[in-house]
Amino acid sequence: MTGTKKGARSAFFVTFLRLLLGAKCAETFVELVNTTASINVTLLTSVERVTR
């Protein structure tokens, strides 16, 4: 994936997981991966986050 930004790849990954596992399971899995890897790239729509 040359030239693809990380945000685009993570959005595709989240969409793929939601299709396979269902929305709630995918959301939980992505939150776990983001927390474990200290990656804050994905903002899920069901979680409201405010950055200042």
Protein backbone atom coordinates (compact mmCIF):
# COMPACT_ATOMS: atom_id res chain seq x y z
CA MET A 1 0.00 0.00 0.00
CA THR A 2 2.32 2.68 -1.21
CA GLY A 3 1.05 6.20 -0.71
CA THR A 4 -1.82 5.21 1.58
CA LYS A 5 -2.11 7.14 4.81
CA LYS A 6 -2.46 5.33 8.13
CA GLY A 7 -5.89 6.85 8.74
CA ALA A 8 -7.25 5.42 5.51
CA ARG A 9 -5.87 1.97 6.29
CA SER A 10 -7.28 2.00 9.82
CA ALA A 11 -10.70 3.13 8.56
CA PHE A 12 -10.72 0.25 6.08
CA PHE A 13 -9.67 -2.16 8.85
CA VAL A 14 -12.48 -0.99 11.15
CA THR A 15 -15.05 -1.29 8.36
CA PHE A 16 -13.83 -4.78 7.51
CA LEU A 17 -14.06 -5.86 11.16
CA ARG A 18 -17.56 -4.44 11.52
CA LEU A 19 -18.72 -6.42 8.52
CA LEU A 20 -17.19 -9.66 9.79
CA LEU A 21 -17.73 -9.49 13.53
CA GLY A 22 -20.57 -7.06 14.04
CA ALA A 23 -20.35 -3.47 15.21
CA LYS A 24 -20.05 -3.99 18.97
CA CYS A 25 -17.45 -6.76 18.82
CA ALA A 26 -15.34 -4.84 16.27
CA GLU A 27 -15.50 -1.67 18.36
CA THR A 28 -14.31 -3.52 21.46
CA PHE A 29 -11.49 -5.20 19.52
CA VAL A 30 -10.26 -1.94 17.96
CA GLU A 31 -10.33 -0.16 21.33
CA LEU A 32 -8.28 -3.03 22.82
CA VAL A 33 -5.71 -2.88 20.02
CA ASN A 34 -5.47 0.93 20.21
CA THR A 35 -4.99 0.83 23.98
CA THR A 36 -2.46 -2.00 23.88
CA ALA A 37 -0.37 -0.54 21.06
CA SER A 38 -0.74 3.08 22.24
CA ILE A 39 -2.11 4.01 18.85
CA ASN A 40 -4.62 6.84 18.75
CA VAL A 41 -5.48 6.87 15.06
CA THR A 42 -9.04 5.61 15.09
CA LEU A 43 -11.89 7.64 16.52
CA LEU A 44 -14.98 5.49 16.75
CA THR A 45 -18.30 7.18 16.14
CA SER A 46 -20.00 5.77 19.21
CA VAL A 47 -17.40 7.25 21.54
CA GLU A 48 -17.41 11.01 21.87
CA ARG A 49 -13.93 12.44 22.25
CA VAL A 50 -13.04 16.07 22.57
CA THR A 51 -9.49 17.21 21.92
CA ARG A 52 -8.43 20.71 22.77
